[in-house]
Amino acid sequence: MTRLSRRAEEHQSFSGDTSQGSSTQIETTAGEKENKATFELAGAINWDVSGGAPTYAPNLAMEIEPIENRLELETGVSPFFTRTATEWDTDLLFKKRWTLSRKAEFMLGIGPEWVHLKQSGRWANTVSAEIAADFMFWPNRKHRFDWFLEPAFDYSFAGHHEKSIGMSFGLLIGVR
């Protein structure tokens, strides 16, 4: 239930005022549950801006909203494998949500990314910054099983300051 719905219900029960809507409407609004967390199950593609072939990976992430309508936290991991290298990208994004319609939302996020890379028998750990735009599409009103598209840009703070662009596309799974 949203804060606004709670306030309307409290106002009506305290003052006895039912002029804003029938009790049936309040019960319907009060009966709707929001997701406690949302899982993302996706595929990801990543391109190094300076060149090279794109790499592909599965992507798993989880989102929670600690401050309603203000802050959403997303943490995720993507393992990229090639013949010569293995790379694990783990990120933590701080996102702000905007509702575009009843069935579409947009979020913009920024945060740190930890990259664990094994190449030529050596392991390296680097820290990067990531900015992501998240487009979520909710075909049904329950927000249980839906889909998303998330383009992102990464900037590495390591020696060569590598830059890459990526895209994730997949399924959103709401947990109540």
Protein backbone atom coordinates (compact mmCIF):
# COMPACT_ATOMS: atom_id res chain seq x y z
CA MET A 1 0.00 0.00 0.00
CA THR A 2 1.38 3.41 -0.85
CA ARG A 3 1.83 6.14 1.71
CA LEU A 4 -0.88 8.18 0.03
CA SER A 5 -3.35 5.26 0.28
CA ARG A 6 -2.49 4.79 3.98
CA ARG A 7 -3.04 8.48 4.67
CA ALA A 8 -6.41 8.46 2.87
CA GLU A 9 -7.50 5.40 4.84
CA GLU A 10 -6.34 6.90 8.16
CA HIS A 11 -8.15 10.15 7.37
CA GLN A 12 -11.38 8.34 6.55
CA SER A 13 -11.29 6.07 9.61
CA PHE A 14 -10.39 8.95 11.96
CA SER A 15 -12.86 11.54 10.66
CA GLY A 16 -15.57 9.20 9.41
CA ASP A 17 -15.32 11.03 6.07
CA THR A 18 -16.26 8.84 3.10
CA SER A 19 -16.73 11.63 0.59
CA GLN A 20 -13.41 10.87 -1.16
CA GLY A 21 -14.46 7.36 -2.13
CA SER A 22 -16.40 4.33 -1.07
CA SER A 23 -15.11 1.87 1.50
CA THR A 24 -14.86 -0.69 -1.32
CA GLN A 25 -12.27 1.46 -3.10
CA ILE A 26 -10.25 1.84 0.10
CA GLU A 27 -10.34 -1.93 0.73
CA THR A 28 -9.13 -2.61 -2.81
CA THR A 29 -6.28 -0.12 -2.41
CA ALA A 30 -5.44 -1.44 1.06
CA GLY A 31 -5.55 -5.05 -0.21
CA GLU A 32 -2.85 -4.46 -2.84
CA LYS A 33 0.60 -5.47 -1.66
CA GLU A 34 3.83 -3.90 -2.81
CA ASN A 35 6.90 -5.99 -3.58
CA LYS A 36 9.42 -6.23 -0.75
CA ALA A 37 12.12 -6.98 -3.32
CA THR A 38 12.43 -7.43 -7.06
CA PHE A 39 14.79 -9.92 -8.67
CA GLU A 40 16.20 -9.45 -12.16
CA LEU A 41 17.06 -12.50 -14.24
CA ALA A 42 18.63 -11.39 -17.49
CA GLY A 43 21.16 -11.63 -20.23
CA ALA A 44 23.85 -8.98 -20.57
CA ILE A 45 26.14 -7.78 -23.34
CA ASN A 46 29.17 -5.55 -22.84
CA TRP A 47 31.39 -3.68 -25.32
CA ASP A 48 34.74 -2.05 -24.59
CA VAL A 49 34.55 1.45 -26.11
CA SER A 50 38.18 1.27 -27.35
CA GLY A 51 37.46 -1.84 -29.43
CA GLY A 52 37.24 -5.57 -29.18
CA ALA A 53 34.47 -8.08 -29.50
CA PRO A 54 31.34 -7.86 -27.38
CA THR A 55 31.06 -10.26 -24.44
CA TYR A 56 27.88 -11.92 -23.20
CA ALA A 57 26.84 -13.05 -19.72
CA PRO A 58 23.94 -14.04 -17.56
CA ASN A 59 22.93 -11.36 -15.07
CA LEU A 60 21.32 -11.73 -11.66
CA ALA A 61 20.32 -8.73 -9.54
CA MET A 62 18.08 -7.77 -6.63
CA GLU A 63 16.38 -4.43 -5.94
CA ILE A 64 14.91 -3.08 -2.70
CA GLU A 65 13.35 0.31 -1.96
CA PRO A 66 14.48 1.51 1.51
CA ILE A 67 13.03 5.01 1.04
CA GLU A 68 9.70 4.86 -0.79
CA ASN A 69 9.62 6.91 -4.03
CA ARG A 70 13.08 8.33 -3.25
CA LEU A 71 15.78 5.64 -3.25
CA GLU A 72 16.09 2.16 -4.66
CA LEU A 73 19.18 -0.01 -4.15
CA GLU A 74 20.18 -2.60 -6.73
CA THR A 75 23.00 -5.08 -6.41
CA GLY A 76 23.91 -7.45 -9.20
CA VAL A 77 26.51 -9.78 -10.63
CA SER A 78 27.47 -10.78 -14.18
CA PRO A 79 30.14 -13.41 -15.03
CA PHE A 80 31.69 -12.84 -18.47
CA PHE A 81 33.66 -15.74 -19.99
CA THR A 82 35.89 -15.75 -23.09
CA ARG A 83 38.56 -18.22 -24.26
CA THR A 84 41.32 -16.15 -22.64
CA ALA A 85 39.64 -14.40 -19.72
CA THR A 86 37.04 -14.63 -16.97
CA GLU A 87 35.52 -11.46 -15.55
CA TRP A 88 33.05 -11.08 -12.67
CA ASP A 89 31.32 -7.69 -12.47
CA THR A 90 29.52 -6.89 -9.21
CA ASP A 91 27.75 -3.56 -8.75
CA LEU A 92 25.72 -1.54 -6.26
CA LEU A 93 23.51 1.13 -7.80
CA PHE A 94 21.62 3.93 -6.06
CA LYS A 95 18.53 4.62 -8.16
CA LYS A 96 15.71 7.15 -8.38
CA ARG A 97 12.37 5.98 -9.84
CA TRP A 98 9.96 7.92 -12.07
CA THR A 99 6.57 6.49 -13.02
CA LEU A 100 5.87 7.08 -16.71
CA SER A 101 2.47 5.36 -16.79
CA ARG A 102 0.55 2.61 -15.00
CA LYS A 103 2.62 0.08 -16.95
CA ALA A 104 6.02 1.74 -17.36
CA GLU A 105 8.69 3.11 -15.04
CA PHE A 106 12.10 4.66 -15.53
CA MET A 107 14.98 4.63 -13.07
CA LEU A 108 18.34 6.36 -13.24
CA GLY A 109 21.13 5.00 -11.09
CA ILE A 110 24.79 5.48 -10.29
CA GLY A 111 27.21 3.55 -8.11
CA PRO A 112 30.42 1.58 -7.71
CA GLU A 113 31.33 -1.60 -9.53
CA TRP A 114 33.94 -4.17 -8.53
CA VAL A 115 35.57 -6.08 -11.40
CA HIS A 116 37.40 -9.35 -10.69
CA LEU A 117 39.36 -10.37 -13.82
CA LYS A 118 41.47 -13.45 -14.59
CA GLN A 119 43.53 -13.03 -17.75
CA SER A 120 46.72 -14.82 -18.82
CA GLY A 121 46.80 -16.71 -15.50
CA ARG A 122 46.72 -13.52 -13.38
CA TRP A 123 43.94 -12.17 -11.22
CA ALA A 124 43.26 -8.44 -11.02
CA ASN A 125 40.69 -6.46 -9.05
CA THR A 126 39.58 -3.01 -10.11
CA VAL A 127 36.96 -0.48 -9.10
CA SER A 128 34.75 1.27 -11.62
CA ALA A 129 31.85 3.71 -11.63
CA GLU A 130 28.61 2.78 -13.36
CA ILE A 131 25.63 4.80 -14.51
CA ALA A 132 22.51 2.98 -15.68
CA ALA A 133 19.10 3.84 -17.12
CA ASP A 134 16.48 1.24 -16.26
CA PHE A 135 13.25 0.94 -18.26
CA MET A 136 10.71 -1.38 -16.58
CA PHE A 137 7.55 -2.59 -18.25
CA TRP A 138 4.69 -4.00 -16.17
CA PRO A 139 2.06 -5.57 -18.48
CA ASN A 140 -0.10 -6.54 -15.49
CA ARG A 141 -0.92 -4.40 -12.46
CA LYS A 142 0.36 -6.90 -9.89
CA HIS A 143 4.05 -6.27 -10.71
CA ARG A 144 4.91 -9.95 -10.24
CA PHE A 145 6.42 -11.12 -13.55
CA ASP A 146 7.44 -8.39 -15.94
CA TRP A 147 10.43 -7.28 -18.00
CA PHE A 148 13.11 -4.60 -18.21
CA LEU A 149 15.78 -3.07 -20.44
CA GLU A 150 18.84 -1.47 -18.82
CA PRO A 151 21.60 0.29 -20.79
CA ALA A 152 24.70 1.19 -18.74
CA PHE A 153 28.09 2.93 -18.99
CA ASP A 154 31.13 1.87 -16.94
CA TYR A 155 34.32 3.86 -16.27
CA SER A 156 37.28 2.02 -14.73
CA PHE A 157 39.58 3.77 -12.25
CA ALA A 158 42.40 1.31 -13.08
CA GLY A 159 45.51 2.24 -15.10
CA HIS A 160 44.06 2.48 -18.63
CA HIS A 161 40.70 3.95 -17.52
CA GLU A 162 38.74 1.58 -19.71
CA LYS A 163 35.23 2.59 -20.69
CA SER A 164 32.48 0.21 -21.71
CA ILE A 165 28.82 0.26 -22.58
CA GLY A 166 26.45 -2.55 -21.81
CA MET A 167 22.87 -3.67 -22.01
CA SER A 168 20.80 -6.02 -19.85
CA PHE A 169 17.42 -7.36 -20.88
CA GLY A 170 15.31 -9.77 -18.92
CA LEU A 171 12.63 -10.74 -16.47
CA LEU A 172 11.56 -8.94 -13.29
CA ILE A 173 10.26 -11.14 -10.50
CA GLY A 174 8.49 -9.37 -7.63
CA VAL A 175 8.64 -10.91 -4.14
CA ARG A 176 5.95 -9.98 -1.60
